[in-house]
Protein backbone atom coordinates (compact mmCIF):
# COMPACT_ATOMS: atom_id res chain seq x y z
CA UNK A 1 -0.02 -0.07 -0.21
CA UNK A 2 1.17 3.50 -0.85
CA UNK A 3 1.30 6.08 1.72
CA UNK A 4 1.42 9.76 1.08
CA UNK A 5 2.52 12.41 3.55
CA UNK A 6 0.50 15.64 3.54
CA UNK A 7 3.27 17.73 2.14
CA UNK A 8 3.87 15.41 -0.67
CA UNK A 9 0.21 15.19 -1.41
CA UNK A 10 -0.14 19.04 -1.41
CA UNK A 11 2.91 19.30 -3.78
CA UNK A 12 1.33 16.82 -6.12
CA UNK A 13 -1.83 18.62 -6.20
CA UNK A 14 -0.20 21.89 -6.80
CA UNK A 15 1.83 20.42 -9.75
CA UNK A 16 -1.40 19.09 -11.33
CA UNK A 17 -3.01 22.42 -10.97
CA UNK A 18 -0.05 24.35 -12.55
CA UNK A 19 0.11 21.79 -15.39
CA UNK A 20 -3.69 22.21 -16.08
CA UNK A 21 -3.11 26.07 -16.04
CA UNK A 22 -0.40 25.70 -18.59
CA UNK A 23 -2.65 23.52 -20.79
CA UNK A 24 -5.60 26.22 -20.45
CA UNK A 25 -3.11 28.89 -21.38
CA UNK A 26 -1.81 26.84 -24.38
CA UNK A 27 -5.43 26.14 -25.48
CA UNK A 28 -6.42 29.86 -25.27
CA UNK A 29 -3.25 30.80 -27.22
CA UNK A 30 -4.17 28.36 -29.86
CA UNK A 31 -7.65 29.51 -30.00
CA UNK A 32 -6.44 33.09 -30.36
CA UNK A 33 -4.07 32.12 -33.26
CA UNK A 34 -6.90 30.19 -34.98
CA UNK A 35 -9.30 33.14 -34.54
CA UNK A 36 -6.98 35.69 -36.02
CA UNK A 37 -6.18 33.32 -38.92
CA UNK A 38 -9.97 32.90 -39.51
CA UNK A 39 -10.55 36.60 -39.53
CA UNK A 40 -7.50 37.11 -41.73
CA UNK A 41 -8.81 34.81 -44.18
CA UNK A 42 -12.51 35.94 -44.08
CA UNK A 43 -12.54 39.64 -43.11
CA UNK A 44 -9.22 41.21 -43.55
CA UNK A 45 -9.80 42.40 -47.03
CA UNK A 46 -12.31 45.04 -45.67
CA UNK A 47 -11.65 45.21 -41.82
CA UNK A 48 -8.61 46.07 -39.78
CA UNK A 49 -8.30 42.90 -37.74
CA UNK A 50 -5.31 43.73 -35.52
CA UNK A 51 -4.47 46.40 -32.98
CA UNK A 52 -3.26 49.09 -35.19
CA UNK A 53 -4.11 48.28 -38.84
CA UNK A 54 -6.63 50.32 -40.67
CA UNK A 55 -9.78 48.91 -42.48
CA UNK A 56 -9.64 48.99 -46.21
CA UNK A 57 -13.38 49.50 -46.71
CA UNK A 58 -14.72 52.90 -45.29
CA UNK A 59 -17.72 51.29 -43.88
CA UNK A 60 -15.97 48.35 -42.21
CA UNK A 61 -14.96 49.35 -38.65
CA UNK A 62 -11.58 47.72 -37.16
CA UNK A 63 -12.44 44.98 -35.05
CA UNK A 64 -10.49 46.67 -32.19
CA UNK A 65 -13.33 49.14 -32.16
CA UNK A 66 -16.21 46.59 -32.61
CA UNK A 67 -15.00 45.02 -29.26
CA UNK A 68 -15.12 48.43 -27.61
CA UNK A 69 -18.70 48.91 -28.80
CA UNK A 70 -20.13 45.40 -28.21
CA UNK A 71 -19.54 42.78 -25.60
CA UNK A 72 -17.49 39.92 -27.28
CA UNK A 73 -19.66 37.17 -25.87
CA UNK A 74 -22.84 38.97 -27.43
CA UNK A 75 -21.26 38.43 -31.00
CA UNK A 76 -21.44 34.55 -30.73
CA UNK A 77 -25.06 34.45 -31.85
CA UNK A 78 -24.47 36.78 -34.93
CA UNK A 79 -21.52 34.58 -35.95
CA UNK A 80 -23.54 31.52 -35.86
CA UNK A 81 -26.37 32.82 -37.46
CA UNK A 82 -24.75 35.08 -40.23
CA UNK A 83 -23.69 38.62 -39.90
CA UNK A 84 -25.43 41.03 -42.25
CA UNK A 85 -24.33 44.62 -42.53
CA UNK A 86 -25.76 47.64 -44.03
CA UNK A 87 -23.64 47.62 -47.15
CA UNK A 88 -24.09 45.39 -49.97
CA UNK A 89 -20.28 44.56 -50.48
CA UNK A 90 -20.10 42.63 -47.32
CA UNK A 91 -20.61 38.72 -47.65
CA UNK A 92 -22.56 36.70 -45.27
CA UNK A 93 -20.52 34.32 -43.17
CA UNK A 94 -21.98 31.76 -40.99
CA UNK A 95 -19.33 30.22 -38.66
CA UNK A 96 -19.04 26.67 -37.17
CA UNK A 97 -19.18 26.56 -33.21
CA UNK A 98 -15.33 25.85 -32.97
CA UNK A 99 -14.61 28.79 -35.45
CA UNK A 100 -16.77 30.92 -33.17
CA UNK A 101 -14.84 29.99 -30.05
CA UNK A 102 -11.54 30.94 -31.85
CA UNK A 103 -12.96 34.17 -33.17
CA UNK A 104 -14.23 35.14 -29.65
CA UNK A 105 -10.95 34.25 -28.16
CA UNK A 106 -9.03 36.44 -30.56
CA UNK A 107 -11.45 39.31 -30.32
CA UNK A 108 -11.36 39.18 -26.51
CA UNK A 109 -7.49 39.27 -26.79
CA UNK A 110 -7.94 42.78 -28.64
CA UNK A 111 -9.63 44.23 -25.78
CA UNK A 112 -6.28 43.73 -23.68
CA UNK A 113 -3.70 46.18 -24.97
CA UNK A 114 -0.97 44.81 -22.67
CA UNK A 115 -1.00 41.42 -24.33
CA UNK A 116 1.10 40.57 -27.47
CA UNK A 117 -0.84 40.35 -30.69
CA UNK A 118 -0.35 36.69 -31.95
């Protein structure tokens, strides 16, 4: 039978917690990178998608401004059902749940100016 001392059990719990935290951070970073890639592919021809780039279309706000105007989590439904806009040049996109999670992770990251843009 194995016997554990209280300090060794506590140390094991801390290590497990730290490892889970690293996995979460890695998954978040991966989602952020994937979200940026999706937006680069689908939206960057009109919208500024980064922290400093300008939009190429005058009616397309940079996403860093969009996240100031709307709570990021409120955009999930629009991304799932298809975003329509007031100008006819914008195509309607419908994203899958895993794409939506990645896009939201990237947009949420834009709200934090101290973090590096992936």
